Protein backbone atom coordinates (compact mmCIF):
# COMPACT_ATOMS: atom_id res chain seq x y z
CA MET A 1 -0.24 5.50 137.66
CA ASN A 2 -0.67 7.99 134.88
CA PRO A 3 -2.98 11.02 135.20
CA LEU A 4 -5.75 9.47 133.11
CA HIS A 5 -5.97 6.39 135.35
CA ARG A 6 -5.91 8.59 138.45
CA PHE A 7 -8.73 10.75 137.04
CA ALA A 8 -10.76 7.64 136.17
CA ALA A 9 -10.23 6.26 139.68
CA VAL A 10 -11.42 9.53 141.26
CA ILE A 11 -14.51 9.60 139.04
CA LEU A 12 -15.35 5.98 139.90
CA CYS A 13 -14.97 6.72 143.61
CA LEU A 14 -17.24 9.74 143.32
CA ILE A 15 -19.87 7.70 141.51
CA ALA A 16 -19.68 4.97 144.17
CA VAL A 17 -20.03 7.50 147.00
CA ALA A 18 -22.82 9.42 145.26
CA THR A 19 -25.26 6.58 145.85
CA THR A 20 -24.66 6.72 149.59
CA ALA A 21 -24.77 10.52 149.80
CA SER A 22 -28.17 11.75 150.91
CA SER A 23 -29.84 15.09 150.48
CA CYS A 24 -31.82 16.91 153.12
CA PRO A 25 -35.25 15.63 154.22
CA SER A 26 -37.07 18.35 152.29
CA CYS A 27 -35.65 16.98 149.04
CA PHE A 28 -36.92 13.53 149.96
CA GLY A 29 -40.43 14.89 150.48
CA GLN A 30 -40.66 15.28 154.25
CA ALA A 31 -42.55 18.57 154.43
CA GLN A 32 -42.76 18.92 158.20
CA GLY A 33 -40.37 19.10 161.08
CA PRO A 34 -38.05 21.52 162.80
CA LEU A 35 -35.34 21.15 160.14
CA ILE A 36 -37.74 22.22 157.40
CA ASP A 37 -39.09 25.11 159.50
CA GLY A 38 -35.57 26.35 160.20
CA MET A 39 -34.62 26.08 156.54
CA ASN A 40 -37.71 28.02 155.47
CA LYS A 41 -36.97 30.76 157.99
CA ALA A 42 -33.36 30.95 156.78
CA ILE A 43 -34.53 31.27 153.18
CA LEU A 44 -36.93 34.06 154.14
CA ALA A 45 -34.16 35.83 156.07
CA MET A 46 -31.81 35.67 153.08
CA ILE A 47 -34.54 36.96 150.76
CA GLY A 48 -35.29 39.77 153.22
CA ILE A 49 -31.64 40.80 153.48
CA THR A 50 -31.25 40.72 149.71
CA GLY A 51 -34.40 42.80 149.26
CA PHE A 52 -33.20 45.32 151.84
CA VAL A 53 -29.84 45.74 150.10
CA LEU A 54 -31.45 46.06 146.66
CA THR A 55 -33.89 48.62 148.02
CA GLY A 56 -30.91 50.59 149.32
CA PHE A 57 -29.32 50.58 145.87
CA VAL A 58 -32.56 51.77 144.26
CA ALA A 59 -32.86 54.55 146.83
CA LEU A 60 -29.24 55.54 146.17
CA PHE A 61 -29.76 55.82 142.42
CA VAL A 62 -33.07 57.69 142.82
CA SER A 63 -31.37 60.12 145.20
CA ILE A 64 -28.47 60.65 142.80
CA GLY A 65 -30.93 61.22 139.96
CA ARG A 66 -32.89 63.80 141.92
CA LYS A 67 -29.74 65.64 143.03
CA THR A 68 -28.44 65.66 139.46
CA LYS A 69 -31.72 67.07 138.18
CA GLN A 70 -31.72 69.75 140.89
CA HIS A 71 -28.07 70.60 140.18
CA ASP A 72 -28.79 70.94 136.46
CA ALA A 73 -31.79 73.18 137.16
CA ASP A 74 -29.68 75.37 139.49
CA ALA A 75 -26.88 75.59 136.92
CA LEU A 76 -29.36 76.55 134.18
CA ALA A 77 -30.91 79.23 136.43
CA THR A 78 -27.48 80.61 137.30
CA ALA A 79 -26.46 80.68 133.65
CA SER A 80 -29.64 82.50 132.62
CA ASN A 81 -29.22 85.02 135.47
CA THR A 82 -25.62 85.65 134.39
CA GLU A 83 -26.71 86.25 130.80
CA GLN A 84 -29.47 88.66 131.86
CA GLY A 85 -27.07 90.57 134.06
CA ALA A 86 -24.52 90.93 131.23
CA SER A 87 -27.01 92.35 128.74
């Protein structure tokens, strides 16, 4: 069996199995039940974790920005004090 026939056979098997494969009840329209409640809670948990991590990144960059601004202000003050002391 050459590779093309093997590939065609695999595709035909996947198409035949696809009709018997079923999705979850929420995709079929069942909007109530413990499975749907658990799935909704899992989705909210994943959104919450993602939001927490993204908030941490924002806080990190804001902190770095503030420290950089403060460092630049301190360096400018030191430079101006050095110039005044030399003159």
